[in-house]
Amino acid sequence: MNLPFLSPDPSGLEMTLWLCAFGGSIFFGLRVMLMLVGGFADDFDTPIDDSGFDDTAGDAHHSEAAFKLISLNTISAFLMMFGWSGMSALLQFKMPIFVSMLIALVVGFASMLVTAWLYKMAMKLASPGADFSISETVGLKGTVYQRIPEGGRGKIQLTVNGFTRELNAVSQAQKDLDSFTTIVVIDTIDSDTVSVKEHTE
């Protein structure tokens, strides 16, 4: 089978570069397309953990404009440009394998930096509702979204600056708070958890 941009009898290296180029291009294109139509509107570069890897299971409301070098977006950009630049150097310009791989690595890493920077800039242009400080919720009323057990955590929904937020919550009185109970935020526990009590007025 003849593959585009490859010689009639491609080597293992050529096949690897081809897979990186086409696989990375397809995945990167899908990420951008889904982001533009809203599929990843709140997921420009969400981390998997504190090291900066992707985690789409996090709270979509807590987007941040931090510069994350390693993400699904930057990895796909690296693979895409690593493959294309490596194939160009090796097949079109007939450069030695070592030089071709060095060029591919440099171009791929540069693409990661540029992609991370572009997504950071995109986040800064996002709606002001994306900029959220949990301290703003203190004193606000909301509703229990997921039952808060005694001594445990549940979830609440409340409106901050016109945007609906979903946060983890604990009961200040250490008692059960059933779903749909009206609550008021008393204090913050951490970056996505608040202490609440039942609103009785």
C-alpha atoms as a PDB file:
ATOM      1  CA  MET A   1       0.000   0.000   0.000  1.00  0.00           C
ATOM      2  CA  ASN A   2       1.381   3.369  -1.047  1.00  0.00           C
ATOM      3  CA  LEU A   3       1.022   6.034   1.612  1.00  0.00           C
ATOM      4  CA  PRO A   4       1.094   9.745   0.731  1.00  0.00           C
ATOM      5  CA  PHE A   5       4.415  11.580   1.156  1.00  0.00           C
ATOM      6  CA  LEU A   6       6.321   8.309   1.681  1.00  0.00           C
ATOM      7  CA  SER A   7       8.662   6.376  -0.569  1.00  0.00           C
ATOM      8  CA  PRO A   8       7.307   3.178  -2.235  1.00  0.00           C
ATOM      9  CA  ASP A   9       9.107   1.043   0.352  1.00  0.00           C
ATOM     10  CA  PRO A  10       9.091   3.134   3.550  1.00  0.00           C
ATOM     11  CA  SER A  11      11.421   2.347   6.432  1.00  0.00           C
ATOM     12  CA  GLY A  12      10.290   1.948  10.015  1.00  0.00           C
ATOM     13  CA  LEU A  13      11.452   5.495  10.769  1.00  0.00           C
ATOM     14  CA  GLU A  14       9.458   6.905   7.860  1.00  0.00           C
ATOM     15  CA  MET A  15       6.353   5.043   8.999  1.00  0.00           C
ATOM     16  CA  THR A  16       6.790   6.370  12.550  1.00  0.00           C
ATOM     17  CA  LEU A  17       7.101   9.940  11.296  1.00  0.00           C
ATOM     18  CA  TRP A  18       4.085   9.464   9.027  1.00  0.00           C
ATOM     19  CA  LEU A  19       1.959   8.151  11.915  1.00  0.00           C
ATOM     20  CA  CYS A  20       3.025  11.042  14.151  1.00  0.00           C
ATOM     21  CA  ALA A  21       2.260  13.591  11.434  1.00  0.00           C
ATOM     22  CA  PHE A  22      -1.157  12.267  10.430  1.00  0.00           C
ATOM     23  CA  GLY A  23      -2.244  11.118  13.893  1.00  0.00           C
ATOM     24  CA  GLY A  24      -1.163  14.380  15.506  1.00  0.00           C
ATOM     25  CA  SER A  25      -2.775  16.465  12.749  1.00  0.00           C
ATOM     26  CA  ILE A  26      -6.108  14.665  13.011  1.00  0.00           C
ATOM     27  CA  PHE A  27      -6.242  14.822  16.813  1.00  0.00           C
ATOM     28  CA  PHE A  28      -5.088  18.456  16.952  1.00  0.00           C
ATOM     29  CA  GLY A  29      -7.642  19.406  14.307  1.00  0.00           C
ATOM     30  CA  LEU A  30     -10.431  17.681  16.223  1.00  0.00           C
ATOM     31  CA  ARG A  31      -9.478  19.425  19.471  1.00  0.00           C
ATOM     32  CA  VAL A  32      -9.540  22.829  17.797  1.00  0.00           C
ATOM     33  CA  MET A  33     -12.801  22.123  15.950  1.00  0.00           C
ATOM     34  CA  LEU A  34     -14.577  20.877  19.080  1.00  0.00           C
ATOM     35  CA  MET A  35     -13.303  23.862  21.042  1.00  0.00           C
ATOM     36  CA  LEU A  36     -14.663  26.264  18.418  1.00  0.00           C
ATOM     37  CA  VAL A  37     -18.126  24.670  18.444  1.00  0.00           C
ATOM     38  CA  GLY A  38     -18.206  24.621  22.247  1.00  0.00           C
ATOM     39  CA  GLY A  39     -17.223  21.026  23.053  1.00  0.00           C
ATOM     40  CA  PHE A  40     -14.099  22.189  24.850  1.00  0.00           C
ATOM     41  CA  ALA A  41     -15.096  25.759  25.615  1.00  0.00           C
ATOM     42  CA  ASP A  42     -14.183  25.274  29.290  1.00  0.00           C
ATOM     43  CA  ASP A  43     -11.385  22.819  28.594  1.00  0.00           C
ATOM     44  CA  PHE A  44      -8.641  24.765  26.856  1.00  0.00           C
ATOM     45  CA  ASP A  45      -5.955  23.035  28.868  1.00  0.00           C
ATOM     46  CA  THR A  46      -7.264  21.422  32.011  1.00  0.00           C
ATOM     47  CA  PRO A  47      -4.608  19.606  34.093  1.00  0.00           C
ATOM     48  CA  ILE A  48      -4.736  15.944  35.090  1.00  0.00           C
ATOM     49  CA  ASP A  49      -3.011  16.747  38.330  1.00  0.00           C
ATOM     50  CA  ASP A  50      -0.804  19.431  39.839  1.00  0.00           C
ATOM     51  CA  SER A  51       1.955  18.539  37.389  1.00  0.00           C
ATOM     52  CA  GLY A  52      -0.084  20.007  34.539  1.00  0.00           C
ATOM     53  CA  PHE A  53      -1.420  16.942  32.710  1.00  0.00           C
ATOM     54  CA  ASP A  54      -4.955  16.891  31.306  1.00  0.00           C
ATOM     55  CA  ASP A  55      -7.944  16.021  33.394  1.00  0.00           C
ATOM     56  CA  THR A  56     -11.344  16.516  31.845  1.00  0.00           C
ATOM     57  CA  ALA A  57     -12.982  15.249  35.035  1.00  0.00           C
ATOM     58  CA  GLY A  58     -12.237  18.481  36.900  1.00  0.00           C
ATOM     59  CA  ASP A  59     -14.785  21.216  37.508  1.00  0.00           C
ATOM     60  CA  ALA A  60     -15.302  22.931  34.175  1.00  0.00           C
ATOM     61  CA  HIS A  61     -16.173  26.163  35.934  1.00  0.00           C
ATOM     62  CA  HIS A  62     -12.683  26.515  37.372  1.00  0.00           C
ATOM     63  CA  SER A  63     -10.712  27.414  34.249  1.00  0.00           C
ATOM     64  CA  GLU A  64      -7.381  29.117  34.671  1.00  0.00           C
ATOM     65  CA  ALA A  65      -4.931  30.895  32.363  1.00  0.00           C
ATOM     66  CA  ALA A  66      -1.803  29.177  33.713  1.00  0.00           C
ATOM     67  CA  PHE A  67       0.894  28.269  31.213  1.00  0.00           C
ATOM     68  CA  LYS A  68       0.623  24.470  30.943  1.00  0.00           C
ATOM     69  CA  LEU A  69       3.316  23.034  28.699  1.00  0.00           C
ATOM     70  CA  ILE A  70       2.155  19.408  28.847  1.00  0.00           C
ATOM     71  CA  SER A  71      -1.457  18.848  27.812  1.00  0.00           C
ATOM     72  CA  LEU A  72      -3.430  16.971  25.168  1.00  0.00           C
ATOM     73  CA  ASN A  73      -3.289  20.073  22.995  1.00  0.00           C
ATOM     74  CA  THR A  74       0.470  20.570  23.205  1.00  0.00           C
ATOM     75  CA  ILE A  75       1.262  16.845  22.883  1.00  0.00           C
ATOM     76  CA  SER A  76      -0.822  16.595  19.710  1.00  0.00           C
ATOM     77  CA  ALA A  77       0.927  19.721  18.374  1.00  0.00           C
ATOM     78  CA  PHE A  78       4.308  18.142  19.149  1.00  0.00           C
ATOM     79  CA  LEU A  79       3.448  14.883  17.359  1.00  0.00           C
ATOM     80  CA  MET A  80       2.041  16.733  14.369  1.00  0.00           C
ATOM     81  CA  MET A  81       5.046  19.007  13.829  1.00  0.00           C
ATOM     82  CA  PHE A  82       7.575  16.331  14.832  1.00  0.00           C
ATOM     83  CA  GLY A  83       6.214  14.099  12.087  1.00  0.00           C
ATOM     84  CA  TRP A  84       5.896  16.730   9.355  1.00  0.00           C
ATOM     85  CA  SER A  85       9.271  18.384   9.989  1.00  0.00           C
ATOM     86  CA  GLY A  86      11.013  15.028  10.336  1.00  0.00           C
ATOM     87  CA  MET A  87       9.564  13.759   7.045  1.00  0.00           C
ATOM     88  CA  SER A  88      10.441  17.010   5.280  1.00  0.00           C
ATOM     89  CA  ALA A  89      14.039  16.943   6.475  1.00  0.00           C
ATOM     90  CA  LEU A  90      14.508  13.232   5.798  1.00  0.00           C
ATOM     91  CA  LEU A  91      12.618  12.756   2.530  1.00  0.00           C
ATOM     92  CA  GLN A  92      12.469  16.146   0.845  1.00  0.00           C
ATOM     93  CA  PHE A  93      15.800  17.650   1.840  1.00  0.00           C
ATOM     94  CA  LYS A  94      17.605  14.281   2.119  1.00  0.00           C
ATOM     95  CA  MET A  95      19.244  15.142   5.429  1.00  0.00           C
ATOM     96  CA  PRO A  96      20.973  12.496   7.563  1.00  0.00           C
ATOM     97  CA  ILE A  97      18.760  10.660  10.067  1.00  0.00           C
ATOM     98  CA  PHE A  98      20.417  12.284  13.102  1.00  0.00           C
ATOM     99  CA  VAL A  99      19.983  15.802  11.715  1.00  0.00           C
ATOM    100  CA  SER A 100      16.401  15.064  10.662  1.00  0.00           C
ATOM    101  CA  MET A 101      15.497  13.807  14.134  1.00  0.00           C
ATOM    102  CA  LEU A 102      17.158  16.791  15.776  1.00  0.00           C
ATOM    103  CA  ILE A 103      15.181  19.166  13.571  1.00  0.00           C
ATOM    104  CA  ALA A 104      11.979  17.235  14.272  1.00  0.00           C
ATOM    105  CA  LEU A 105      12.522  17.429  18.046  1.00  0.00           C
ATOM    106  CA  VAL A 106      13.318  21.160  17.994  1.00  0.00           C
ATOM    107  CA  VAL A 107      10.318  21.987  15.792  1.00  0.00           C
ATOM    108  CA  GLY A 108       8.044  19.726  17.850  1.00  0.00           C
ATOM    109  CA  PHE A 109       9.092  21.297  21.142  1.00  0.00           C
ATOM    110  CA  ALA A 110       8.725  24.799  19.689  1.00  0.00           C
ATOM    111  CA  SER A 111       5.199  23.856  18.612  1.00  0.00           C
ATOM    112  CA  MET A 112       4.400  22.805  22.187  1.00  0.00           C
ATOM    113  CA  LEU A 113       5.546  26.200  23.475  1.00  0.00           C
ATOM    114  CA  VAL A 114       3.580  28.122  20.862  1.00  0.00           C
ATOM    115  CA  THR A 115       0.424  26.052  21.439  1.00  0.00           C
ATOM    116  CA  ALA A 116       0.611  26.468  25.221  1.00  0.00           C
ATOM    117  CA  TRP A 117       1.101  30.222  24.788  1.00  0.00           C
ATOM    118  CA  LEU A 118      -1.829  30.514  22.344  1.00  0.00           C
ATOM    119  CA  TYR A 119      -4.174  28.663  24.698  1.00  0.00           C
ATOM    120  CA  LYS A 120      -3.038  30.845  27.569  1.00  0.00           C
ATOM    121  CA  MET A 121      -3.885  33.924  25.508  1.00  0.00           C
ATOM    122  CA  ALA A 122      -7.239  32.387  24.546  1.00  0.00           C
ATOM    123  CA  MET A 123      -8.086  31.858  28.207  1.00  0.00           C
ATOM    124  CA  LYS A 124      -7.361  35.527  28.938  1.00  0.00           C
ATOM    125  CA  LEU A 125      -9.887  36.456  26.255  1.00  0.00           C
ATOM    126  CA  ALA A 126     -12.566  34.224  27.796  1.00  0.00           C
ATOM    127  CA  SER A 127     -15.680  35.626  29.420  1.00  0.00           C
ATOM    128  CA  PRO A 128     -15.033  37.392  32.748  1.00  0.00           C
ATOM    129  CA  GLY A 129     -17.247  34.716  34.291  1.00  0.00           C
ATOM    130  CA  ALA A 130     -14.303  32.325  33.842  1.00  0.00           C
ATOM    131  CA  ASP A 131     -12.310  34.369  36.385  1.00  0.00           C
ATOM    132  CA  PHE A 132     -13.659  33.142  39.671  1.00  0.00           C
ATOM    133  CA  SER A 133     -12.534  33.381  43.268  1.00  0.00           C
ATOM    134  CA  ILE A 134     -14.225  31.029  45.712  1.00  0.00           C
ATOM    135  CA  SER A 135     -14.118  33.740  48.385  1.00  0.00           C
ATOM    136  CA  GLU A 136     -16.828  35.545  46.397  1.00  0.00           C
ATOM    137  CA  THR A 137     -19.324  32.873  47.449  1.00  0.00           C
ATOM    138  CA  VAL A 138     -19.209  33.667  51.177  1.00  0.00           C
ATOM    139  CA  GLY A 139     -22.600  34.998  52.248  1.00  0.00           C
ATOM    140  CA  LEU A 140     -24.382  33.863  49.080  1.00  0.00           C
ATOM    141  CA  LYS A 141     -27.418  31.604  49.063  1.00  0.00           C
ATOM    142  CA  GLY A 142     -27.604  28.452  46.975  1.00  0.00           C
ATOM    143  CA  THR A 143     -29.159  25.016  46.728  1.00  0.00           C
ATOM    144  CA  VAL A 144     -27.851  21.582  47.674  1.00  0.00           C
ATOM    145  CA  TYR A 145     -27.279  19.777  44.385  1.00  0.00           C
ATOM    146  CA  GLN A 146     -25.943  16.527  45.820  1.00  0.00           C
ATOM    147  CA  ARG A 147     -26.845  15.544  49.394  1.00  0.00           C
ATOM    148  CA  ILE A 148     -24.305  16.635  52.002  1.00  0.00           C
ATOM    149  CA  PRO A 149     -23.896  13.795  54.524  1.00  0.00           C
ATOM    150  CA  GLU A 150     -22.964  14.315  58.143  1.00  0.00           C
ATOM    151  CA  GLY A 151     -19.191  14.680  58.304  1.00  0.00           C
ATOM    152  CA  GLY A 152     -18.896  14.292  54.519  1.00  0.00           C
ATOM    153  CA  ARG A 153     -19.027  16.327  51.346  1.00  0.00           C
ATOM    154  CA  GLY A 154     -21.756  16.982  48.848  1.00  0.00           C
ATOM    155  CA  LYS A 155     -22.303  19.559  46.126  1.00  0.00           C
ATOM    156  CA  ILE A 156     -24.127  22.848  45.933  1.00  0.00           C
ATOM    157  CA  GLN A 157     -25.169  25.179  43.153  1.00  0.00           C
ATOM    158  CA  LEU A 158     -25.234  28.939  43.448  1.00  0.00           C
ATOM    159  CA  THR A 159     -25.024  31.993  41.220  1.00  0.00           C
ATOM    160  CA  VAL A 160     -21.940  34.220  41.280  1.00  0.00           C
ATOM    161  CA  ASN A 161     -21.830  37.337  39.086  1.00  0.00           C
ATOM    162  CA  GLY A 162     -24.554  35.920  36.873  1.00  0.00           C
ATOM    163  CA  PHE A 163     -22.862  32.532  36.396  1.00  0.00           C
ATOM    164  CA  THR A 164     -24.056  29.280  37.962  1.00  0.00           C
ATOM    165  CA  ARG A 165     -21.318  27.508  39.898  1.00  0.00           C
ATOM    166  CA  GLU A 166     -21.168  23.984  41.248  1.00  0.00           C
ATOM    167  CA  LEU A 167     -18.969  23.540  44.319  1.00  0.00           C
ATOM    168  CA  ASN A 168     -18.104  20.883  46.855  1.00  0.00           C
ATOM    169  CA  ALA A 169     -19.582  21.643  50.249  1.00  0.00           C
ATOM    170  CA  VAL A 170     -19.540  20.474  53.857  1.00  0.00           C
ATOM    171  CA  SER A 171     -22.144  21.149  56.525  1.00  0.00           C
ATOM    172  CA  GLN A 172     -20.959  23.611  59.156  1.00  0.00           C
ATOM    173  CA  ALA A 173     -23.333  22.063  61.689  1.00  0.00           C
ATOM    174  CA  GLN A 174     -22.099  18.548  60.844  1.00  0.00           C
ATOM    175  CA  LYS A 175     -25.606  17.381  59.951  1.00  0.00           C
ATOM    176  CA  ASP A 176     -27.220  15.986  56.822  1.00  0.00           C
ATOM    177  CA  LEU A 177     -28.429  18.468  54.258  1.00  0.00           C
ATOM    178  CA  ASP A 178     -30.733  16.897  51.698  1.00  0.00           C
ATOM    179  CA  SER A 179     -30.839  17.764  48.010  1.00  0.00           C
ATOM    180  CA  PHE A 180     -32.758  20.946  47.128  1.00  0.00           C
ATOM    181  CA  THR A 181     -32.187  22.381  50.616  1.00  0.00           C
ATOM    182  CA  THR A 182     -31.563  26.136  50.502  1.00  0.00           C
ATOM    183  CA  ILE A 183     -28.203  26.962  52.060  1.00  0.00           C
ATOM    184  CA  VAL A 184     -25.968  29.936  52.705  1.00  0.00           C
ATOM    185  CA  VAL A 185     -22.168  29.829  52.376  1.00  0.00           C
ATOM    186  CA  ILE A 186     -20.403  30.494  55.683  1.00  0.00           C
ATOM    187  CA  ASP A 187     -16.728  29.985  54.867  1.00  0.00           C
ATOM    188  CA  THR A 188     -14.284  28.522  52.341  1.00  0.00           C
ATOM    189  CA  ILE A 189     -12.437  25.264  52.981  1.00  0.00           C
ATOM    190  CA  ASP A 190     -10.161  25.057  49.937  1.00  0.00           C
ATOM    191  CA  SER A 191     -10.100  26.141  46.291  1.00  0.00           C
ATOM    192  CA  ASP A 192     -13.312  24.280  45.427  1.00  0.00           C
ATOM    193  CA  THR A 193     -14.986  23.504  48.756  1.00  0.00           C
ATOM    194  CA  VAL A 194     -17.121  25.693  51.029  1.00  0.00           C
ATOM    195  CA  SER A 195     -18.756  25.346  54.419  1.00  0.00           C
ATOM    196  CA  VAL A 196     -22.510  25.916  54.402  1.00  0.00           C
ATOM    197  CA  LYS A 197     -25.507  25.954  56.702  1.00  0.00           C
ATOM    198  CA  GLU A 198     -29.232  25.661  56.056  1.00  0.00           C
ATOM    199  CA  HIS A 199     -30.901  28.952  55.237  1.00  0.00           C
ATOM    200  CA  THR A 200     -33.943  29.206  57.475  1.00  0.00           C
ATOM    201  CA  GLU A 201     -35.284  32.699  56.792  1.00  0.00           C
END
